[in-house]
Amino acid sequence: MPDYDVICFGSGAECLEAIQQVQPDASLLIRRMPEYEDKAGRYRDYLASLMNGVETRMQSLKAEMSLRTRQESLVSSALSDTHIALDETLQGI
C-alpha cells in the first residue's frame, strides 16, 4: 500500500494553496486537462503510473540519504575512537 495521497483540485490556485499547507514530496499540476471524461480518465491513469515511478524514486533517494548519514556517522565514530586510542598510546610512551 503506497504511503501517499492523491488529491485533485479544480484549479491551479487551489492546488498551490493546498501545497503550502501539505508540503508534499512531489506534486503534479496539469494545465488544460481534457474535458471529455474518457480522455481525462486515461490521462489520470497515465499520470498515476508516472507518480508511482516518482514515489519509488523518492523512496530510493530517502533510503540513500539515510544510508549515507549512517555511513558518515560510523566514519566519524571510528575516527574519534582512533584519535582517543592514539592519544592514550602517546601518553603511555
Protein backbone atom coordinates (compact mmCIF):
# COMPACT_ATOMS: atom_id res chain seq x y z
CA MET A 1 0.00 0.00 0.00
CA PRO A 2 1.53 3.33 -1.03
CA ASP A 3 2.22 5.88 1.66
CA TYR A 4 0.95 8.84 -0.29
CA ASP A 5 -2.34 10.51 -1.08
CA VAL A 6 -3.65 11.68 -4.42
CA ILE A 7 -5.54 14.94 -4.19
CA CYS A 8 -7.23 16.55 -7.19
CA PHE A 9 -8.05 20.23 -7.41
CA GLY A 10 -10.29 22.19 -9.72
CA SER A 11 -7.80 24.97 -10.29
CA GLY A 12 -4.12 25.75 -10.07
CA ALA A 13 -4.80 28.34 -7.38
CA GLU A 14 -6.49 25.72 -5.16
CA CYS A 15 -3.56 23.37 -5.73
CA LEU A 16 -0.93 25.99 -4.86
CA GLU A 17 -2.82 26.97 -1.71
CA ALA A 18 -3.01 23.33 -0.57
CA ILE A 19 0.67 22.71 -1.33
CA GLN A 20 1.64 25.42 1.14
CA GLN A 21 -0.25 23.58 3.88
CA VAL A 22 0.50 19.96 2.97
CA GLN A 23 4.10 20.35 1.70
CA PRO A 24 4.20 17.16 -0.40
CA ASP A 25 7.32 15.36 -1.57
CA ALA A 26 6.07 15.61 -5.15
CA SER A 27 3.23 17.34 -6.93
CA LEU A 28 1.96 17.39 -10.48
CA LEU A 29 0.00 20.29 -11.93
CA ILE A 30 -1.78 19.60 -15.22
CA ARG A 31 -2.77 22.55 -17.33
CA ARG A 32 -5.67 22.14 -19.73
CA MET A 33 -6.84 18.69 -18.63
CA PRO A 34 -9.24 17.34 -21.28
CA GLU A 35 -12.90 17.92 -20.50
CA TYR A 36 -14.02 14.63 -22.04
CA GLU A 37 -14.26 12.15 -19.20
CA ASP A 38 -12.90 9.15 -21.12
CA LYS A 39 -9.80 11.04 -22.27
CA ALA A 40 -9.33 12.68 -18.86
CA GLY A 41 -9.62 9.22 -17.26
CA ARG A 42 -6.87 7.86 -19.49
CA TYR A 43 -4.69 10.85 -18.61
CA ARG A 44 -5.30 10.22 -14.90
CA ASP A 45 -4.29 6.57 -15.33
CA TYR A 46 -1.07 7.51 -17.14
CA LEU A 47 -0.28 10.21 -14.62
CA ALA A 48 -0.93 7.84 -11.71
CA SER A 49 1.66 5.46 -13.22
CA LEU A 50 4.07 8.35 -13.60
CA MET A 51 3.61 9.38 -9.97
CA ASN A 52 4.11 5.77 -8.85
CA GLY A 53 7.53 5.94 -10.51
CA VAL A 54 8.20 9.26 -8.80
CA GLU A 55 7.22 7.77 -5.43
CA THR A 56 9.54 4.80 -5.96
CA ARG A 57 12.43 7.11 -6.81
CA MET A 58 11.69 9.33 -3.79
CA GLN A 59 11.80 6.28 -1.52
CA SER A 60 15.09 5.24 -3.10
CA LEU A 61 16.58 8.70 -2.57
CA LYS A 62 15.42 8.77 1.06
CA ALA A 63 16.97 5.34 1.67
CA GLU A 64 20.23 6.51 0.03
CA MET A 65 20.33 9.61 2.21
CA SER A 66 19.67 7.55 5.33
CA LEU A 67 22.46 5.11 4.43
CA ARG A 68 24.88 7.94 3.68
CA THR A 69 24.08 9.59 7.02
CA ARG A 70 24.68 6.28 8.80
CA GLN A 71 27.98 5.76 6.98
CA GLU A 72 29.14 9.27 7.86
CA SER A 73 28.24 8.63 11.49
CA LEU A 74 30.21 5.37 11.53
CA VAL A 75 33.26 7.01 9.93
CA SER A 76 33.10 9.88 12.42
CA SER A 77 32.84 7.44 15.32
CA ALA A 78 35.76 5.35 14.02
CA LEU A 79 37.92 8.46 13.61
CA SER A 80 37.05 9.62 17.11
CA ASP A 81 37.89 6.20 18.59
CA THR A 82 41.17 6.16 16.66
CA HIS A 83 42.07 9.62 17.91
CA ILE A 84 41.39 8.59 21.51
CA ALA A 85 43.46 5.40 21.12
CA LEU A 86 46.36 7.35 19.64
CA ASP A 87 46.23 9.87 22.48
CA GLU A 88 46.28 7.06 25.06
CA THR A 89 49.18 5.37 23.24
CA LEU A 90 51.21 8.56 23.07
CA GLN A 91 50.59 9.28 26.75
CA GLY A 92 51.89 5.82 27.61
CA ILE A 93 55.18 6.41 25.82
